[in-house]
């Protein structure tokens, strides 16, 4: 591991479903709209450290733009799935799993606020 301020072991990276083909080895930052339960692509990175840095900056930007209670702020997250946005449309089980995990993360963020 590189000498970085970010510890990759503390960063949650959401994996695609088992047996998924077409992975590109990159880390993709997506934004989960907690209120509308929708997913949007943001950017891909070759290292988890770069993805985590972008995720933090995106979260800071969102906080300054959105006026909502903390549990309803859009939530940037990292996934190794390059096709996540299309996959959540095709696979309701995968979508429900992600929504459950990300919604609980948003509630946890609200408790820390």
Protein backbone atom coordinates (compact mmCIF):
# COMPACT_ATOMS: atom_id res chain seq x y z
CA UNK A 1 0.00 0.00 0.00
CA UNK A 2 1.24 3.51 -0.73
CA UNK A 3 2.07 6.01 1.96
CA UNK A 4 -1.20 7.86 1.78
CA UNK A 5 -3.26 9.67 4.39
CA UNK A 6 -6.21 7.46 3.47
CA UNK A 7 -6.34 3.95 4.83
CA UNK A 8 -7.94 1.77 2.19
CA UNK A 9 -9.01 -0.75 4.80
CA UNK A 10 -11.44 1.79 6.23
CA UNK A 11 -13.11 2.59 2.92
CA UNK A 12 -16.23 0.67 2.01
CA UNK A 13 -16.24 -0.47 -1.60
CA UNK A 14 -19.53 -1.95 -2.75
CA UNK A 15 -18.97 -5.04 -4.88
CA UNK A 16 -21.14 -6.16 -7.79
CA UNK A 17 -23.17 -9.36 -7.45
CA UNK A 18 -21.30 -12.67 -7.48
CA UNK A 19 -20.39 -13.90 -10.96
CA UNK A 20 -20.49 -10.45 -12.56
CA UNK A 21 -18.44 -10.19 -15.73
CA UNK A 22 -17.00 -7.07 -17.35
CA UNK A 23 -15.25 -5.62 -14.32
CA UNK A 24 -12.59 -3.09 -15.27
CA UNK A 25 -10.44 -3.04 -12.11
CA UNK A 26 -11.31 0.59 -11.41
CA UNK A 27 -13.09 2.19 -8.48
CA UNK A 28 -16.23 4.06 -9.45
CA UNK A 29 -17.77 6.83 -7.40
CA UNK A 30 -21.56 6.92 -7.69
CA UNK A 31 -24.05 9.21 -6.01
CA UNK A 32 -27.10 7.78 -4.28
CA UNK A 33 -30.04 10.20 -4.07
CA UNK A 34 -31.41 9.14 -0.68
CA UNK A 35 -34.70 11.03 -1.08
CA UNK A 36 -35.58 9.67 -4.54
CA UNK A 37 -33.70 6.37 -4.12
CA UNK A 38 -31.92 6.90 -7.45
CA UNK A 39 -28.34 6.25 -8.55
CA UNK A 40 -26.10 8.45 -10.71
CA UNK A 41 -22.60 7.83 -12.04
CA UNK A 42 -19.89 10.28 -11.16
CA UNK A 43 -16.33 9.25 -12.02
CA UNK A 44 -13.91 6.28 -12.25
CA UNK A 45 -10.46 6.06 -10.65
CA UNK A 46 -7.61 3.59 -10.88
CA UNK A 47 -6.88 3.58 -7.12
CA UNK A 48 -9.12 3.46 -4.09
CA UNK A 49 -7.21 6.39 -2.57
CA UNK A 50 -8.11 8.66 -5.50
CA UNK A 51 -11.72 7.47 -5.40
CA UNK A 52 -11.94 8.14 -1.66
CA UNK A 53 -10.50 11.63 -2.09
CA UNK A 54 -13.03 12.42 -4.81
CA UNK A 55 -15.81 10.93 -2.67
CA UNK A 56 -14.90 13.25 0.24
CA UNK A 57 -14.76 16.33 -2.00
CA UNK A 58 -18.06 15.40 -3.62
CA UNK A 59 -19.66 14.98 -0.19
CA UNK A 60 -18.41 18.41 0.88
CA UNK A 61 -19.79 19.94 -2.32
CA UNK A 62 -23.16 18.25 -1.79
CA UNK A 63 -23.38 19.52 1.80
CA UNK A 64 -22.86 23.10 0.64
CA UNK A 65 -25.39 22.84 -2.21
CA UNK A 66 -28.24 20.85 -0.70
CA UNK A 67 -30.44 22.12 2.06
CA UNK A 68 -31.88 19.05 3.73
CA UNK A 69 -31.69 17.13 6.93
CA UNK A 70 -28.47 15.08 7.02
CA UNK A 71 -30.17 11.74 6.41
CA UNK A 72 -31.54 13.06 3.09
CA UNK A 73 -28.30 14.42 1.62
CA UNK A 74 -27.14 12.70 -1.56
CA UNK A 75 -24.54 10.11 -0.68
CA UNK A 76 -21.45 9.49 -2.81
CA UNK A 77 -20.16 5.93 -2.51
CA UNK A 78 -17.49 3.74 -4.10
CA UNK A 79 -18.17 0.57 -6.05
CA UNK A 80 -16.04 -1.75 -8.15
CA UNK A 81 -19.01 -2.25 -10.49
CA UNK A 82 -18.57 -0.24 -13.72
CA UNK A 83 -22.18 -0.98 -14.74
CA UNK A 84 -23.92 -0.23 -11.43
CA UNK A 85 -26.48 2.30 -12.72
CA UNK A 86 -27.71 -0.06 -15.45
CA UNK A 87 -27.48 -3.10 -13.17
CA UNK A 88 -29.77 -1.61 -10.50
CA UNK A 89 -32.38 -1.11 -13.24
CA UNK A 90 -32.07 -4.73 -14.40
CA UNK A 91 -31.65 -6.49 -11.05
CA UNK A 92 -34.22 -5.50 -8.39
CA UNK A 93 -32.60 -7.72 -5.73
CA UNK A 94 -29.22 -5.99 -6.16
CA UNK A 95 -30.94 -2.60 -6.13
CA UNK A 96 -32.82 -3.41 -2.91
CA UNK A 97 -29.61 -4.57 -1.23
CA UNK A 98 -27.77 -1.36 -2.18
CA UNK A 99 -30.70 0.87 -1.18
CA UNK A 100 -30.91 -0.87 2.20
CA UNK A 101 -27.17 -0.53 2.86
CA UNK A 102 -26.93 3.07 1.65
CA UNK A 103 -30.08 4.19 3.47
CA UNK A 104 -28.74 2.79 6.75
CA UNK A 105 -25.45 4.59 6.07
CA UNK A 106 -27.38 7.84 5.58
CA UNK A 107 -29.23 7.31 8.88
CA UNK A 108 -25.88 6.71 10.59
CA UNK A 109 -24.59 9.96 9.11
CA UNK A 110 -27.61 11.80 10.52
CA UNK A 111 -26.95 10.40 13.99
CA UNK A 112 -23.33 11.63 13.85
CA UNK A 113 -24.45 15.12 12.77
